Structure formats: structure tokens, C-alpha cells
C-alpha atoms as a PDB file:
ATOM      1  CA  MET A   1     -77.402 -60.329-112.999  1.00  0.00           C
ATOM      2  CA  ARG A   2     -78.085 -58.059-115.945  1.00  0.00           C
ATOM      3  CA  LEU A   3     -76.424 -54.669-115.799  1.00  0.00           C
ATOM      4  CA  THR A   4     -78.732 -51.773-116.597  1.00  0.00           C
ATOM      5  CA  ASP A   5     -77.744 -49.132-119.146  1.00  0.00           C
ATOM      6  CA  SER A   6     -77.427 -46.652-116.300  1.00  0.00           C
ATOM      7  CA  ARG A   7     -75.032 -48.948-114.385  1.00  0.00           C
ATOM      8  CA  ILE A   8     -72.961 -49.619-117.520  1.00  0.00           C
ATOM      9  CA  SER A   9     -72.708 -45.859-118.125  1.00  0.00           C
ATOM     10  CA  HIS A  10     -71.627 -45.291-114.514  1.00  0.00           C
ATOM     11  CA  LEU A  11     -68.983 -48.019-114.765  1.00  0.00           C
ATOM     12  CA  SER A  12     -67.744 -46.540-118.044  1.00  0.00           C
ATOM     13  CA  HIS A  13     -67.166 -43.175-116.371  1.00  0.00           C
ATOM     14  CA  ARG A  14     -65.420 -44.790-113.386  1.00  0.00           C
ATOM     15  CA  LEU A  15     -63.195 -46.914-115.626  1.00  0.00           C
ATOM     16  CA  ARG A  16     -62.145 -44.002-117.828  1.00  0.00           C
ATOM     17  CA  ASN A  17     -61.521 -41.741-114.823  1.00  0.00           C
ATOM     18  CA  ALA A  18     -59.335 -44.380-113.172  1.00  0.00           C
ATOM     19  CA  LEU A  19     -57.332 -44.907-116.364  1.00  0.00           C
ATOM     20  CA  GLN A  20     -56.788 -41.164-116.768  1.00  0.00           C
ATOM     21  CA  LYS A  21     -55.939 -40.590-113.111  1.00  0.00           C
ATOM     22  CA  GLY A  22     -53.422 -43.438-113.180  1.00  0.00           C
ATOM     23  CA  GLY A  23     -51.783 -41.996-116.281  1.00  0.00           C
ATOM     24  CA  LEU A  24     -52.607 -45.154-118.220  1.00  0.00           C
ATOM     25  CA  ALA A  25     -54.715 -43.557-120.937  1.00  0.00           C
ATOM     26  CA  ASP A  26     -55.658 -40.247-122.477  1.00  0.00           C
ATOM     27  CA  PHE A  27     -59.003 -39.807-124.200  1.00  0.00           C
ATOM     28  CA  PRO A  28     -58.923 -36.911-126.687  1.00  0.00           C
ATOM     29  CA  ASP A  29     -62.482 -37.754-127.825  1.00  0.00           C
ATOM     30  CA  GLU A  30     -64.435 -38.228-124.579  1.00  0.00           C
ATOM     31  CA  PRO A  31     -67.817 -39.096-126.167  1.00  0.00           C
ATOM     32  CA  ALA A  32     -66.221 -41.751-128.395  1.00  0.00           C
ATOM     33  CA  ALA A  33     -64.276 -43.182-125.440  1.00  0.00           C
ATOM     34  CA  HIS A  34     -67.478 -43.334-123.395  1.00  0.00           C
ATOM     35  CA  ARG A  35     -69.358 -45.125-126.189  1.00  0.00           C
ATOM     36  CA  GLU A  36     -66.530 -47.629-126.648  1.00  0.00           C
ATOM     37  CA  ALA A  37     -66.219 -48.340-122.916  1.00  0.00           C
ATOM     38  CA  LYS A  38     -69.992 -48.865-122.712  1.00  0.00           C
ATOM     39  CA  ALA A  39     -69.877 -51.224-125.696  1.00  0.00           C
ATOM     40  CA  VAL A  40     -67.103 -53.299-124.074  1.00  0.00           C
ATOM     41  CA  LEU A  41     -68.919 -53.501-120.735  1.00  0.00           C
ATOM     42  CA  ASP A  42     -72.200 -54.368-122.465  1.00  0.00           C
ATOM     43  CA  SER A  43     -70.568 -57.139-124.511  1.00  0.00           C
ATOM     44  CA  TYR A  44     -69.062 -58.566-121.320  1.00  0.00           C
ATOM     45  CA  ALA A  45     -72.493 -58.576-119.657  1.00  0.00           C
ATOM     46  CA  GLU A  46     -74.058 -60.267-122.693  1.00  0.00           C
ATOM     47  CA  ALA A  47     -71.327 -62.925-122.751  1.00  0.00           C
ATOM     48  CA  GLU A  48     -71.856 -63.580-119.047  1.00  0.00           C
ATOM     49  CA  GLU A  49     -75.591 -64.037-119.625  1.00  0.00           C
ATOM     50  CA  ALA A  50     -74.921 -66.444-122.495  1.00  0.00           C
ATOM     51  CA  VAL A  51     -72.592 -68.538-120.343  1.00  0.00           C
ATOM     52  CA  ASP A  52     -75.140 -68.575-117.505  1.00  0.00           C
ATOM     53  CA  ALA A  53     -77.879 -69.675-119.906  1.00  0.00           C
ATOM     54  CA  PHE A  54     -75.670 -72.394-121.401  1.00  0.00           C
ATOM     55  CA  ALA A  55     -74.612 -73.683-117.976  1.00  0.00           C
ATOM     56  CA  GLY A  56     -78.136 -73.529-116.594  1.00  0.00           C
ATOM     57  CA  THR A  57     -76.987 -71.444-113.648  1.00  0.00           C
ATOM     58  CA  GLY A  58     -79.558 -71.224-110.904  1.00  0.00           C
ATOM     59  CA  SER A  59     -80.231 -68.312-108.572  1.00  0.00           C
ATOM     60  CA  HIS A  60     -77.516 -69.519-106.196  1.00  0.00           C
ATOM     61  CA  GLY A  61     -74.817 -68.936-108.814  1.00  0.00           C
ATOM     62  CA  PHE A  62     -74.013 -72.603-109.405  1.00  0.00           C
ATOM     63  CA  PRO A  63     -75.264 -74.727-112.300  1.00  0.00           C
ATOM     64  CA  ALA A  64     -78.589 -76.338-111.429  1.00  0.00           C
ATOM     65  CA  ARG A  65     -77.003 -79.791-111.525  1.00  0.00           C
ATOM     66  CA  CYS A  66     -74.274 -78.830-109.006  1.00  0.00           C
ATOM     67  CA  ARG A  67     -74.440 -78.547-105.260  1.00  0.00           C
ATOM     68  CA  ARG A  68     -72.173 -76.691-102.930  1.00  0.00           C
ATOM     69  CA  VAL A  69     -70.325 -79.098-100.638  1.00  0.00           C
ATOM     70  CA  GLY A  70     -69.382 -78.050 -97.139  1.00  0.00           C
ATOM     71  CA  GLY A  71     -66.176 -78.849 -95.295  1.00  0.00           C
ATOM     72  CA  ASN A  72     -67.697 -82.044 -93.918  1.00  0.00           C
ATOM     73  CA  GLY A  73     -67.934 -83.587 -97.419  1.00  0.00           C
ATOM     74  CA  ARG A  74     -71.714 -83.570 -97.379  1.00  0.00           C
ATOM     75  CA  SER A  75     -73.933 -81.877 -99.902  1.00  0.00           C
ATOM     76  CA  SER A  76     -77.087 -80.071 -98.925  1.00  0.00           C
ATOM     77  CA  THR A  77     -79.068 -83.239 -99.700  1.00  0.00           C
ATOM     78  CA  GLY A  78     -76.879 -85.815 -97.964  1.00  0.00           C
ATOM     79  CA  ASN A  79     -73.729 -87.839 -98.494  1.00  0.00           C
ATOM     80  CA  ILE A  80     -71.772 -87.606-101.686  1.00  0.00           C
ATOM     81  CA  SER A  81     -71.076 -90.965-103.221  1.00  0.00           C
ATOM     82  CA  ARG A  82     -67.394 -91.457-103.789  1.00  0.00           C
ATOM     83  CA  LYS A  83     -65.738 -94.119-105.889  1.00  0.00           C
ATOM     84  CA  ARG A  84     -63.035 -95.921-104.002  1.00  0.00           C
END
């Protein structure tokens, strides 16, 4: 999922407010802190997209060549072959 600029900005404000409220950080230059937080969040989102593209992640969140296996040991398409 790609984060929009608006969502990244919102998360930047929430992150900085939480850090200030918890006494973990002080931001004497609010605009610079906001820009830096947005840049960090944006780089994280870009890295996540690159990993998804490399892994070939499908819409279900798993690589296209993987299947989720239920508790019964069966994939969505049948038995899983196991080496014994």
C-alpha cells in the first residue's frame, strides 16, 4: 500500500507529538523536524514498495509463488508434498 503525502504528513505530526509528549525529544525547529520526519516515513514507504516489487508480492500480501497453509497442512490448492 502506498502512503499518500497527506497520510505521511499526518503520521509525521502524530510521531512528533508522541515524542514530545513522552519527553523523548524536543524540536526547536518545528518545520525542519516535520520535513525530516516526512522524509524518513517516505523513505520507509519507498523501501517497502521496492521489497514488494522484488518479492513479487500479490494482493494477498504473500509472494505470488507462496500459498498460505492452514492448520490442517493443506494449501488452498490441495495437499502439500512433503519429503520424508
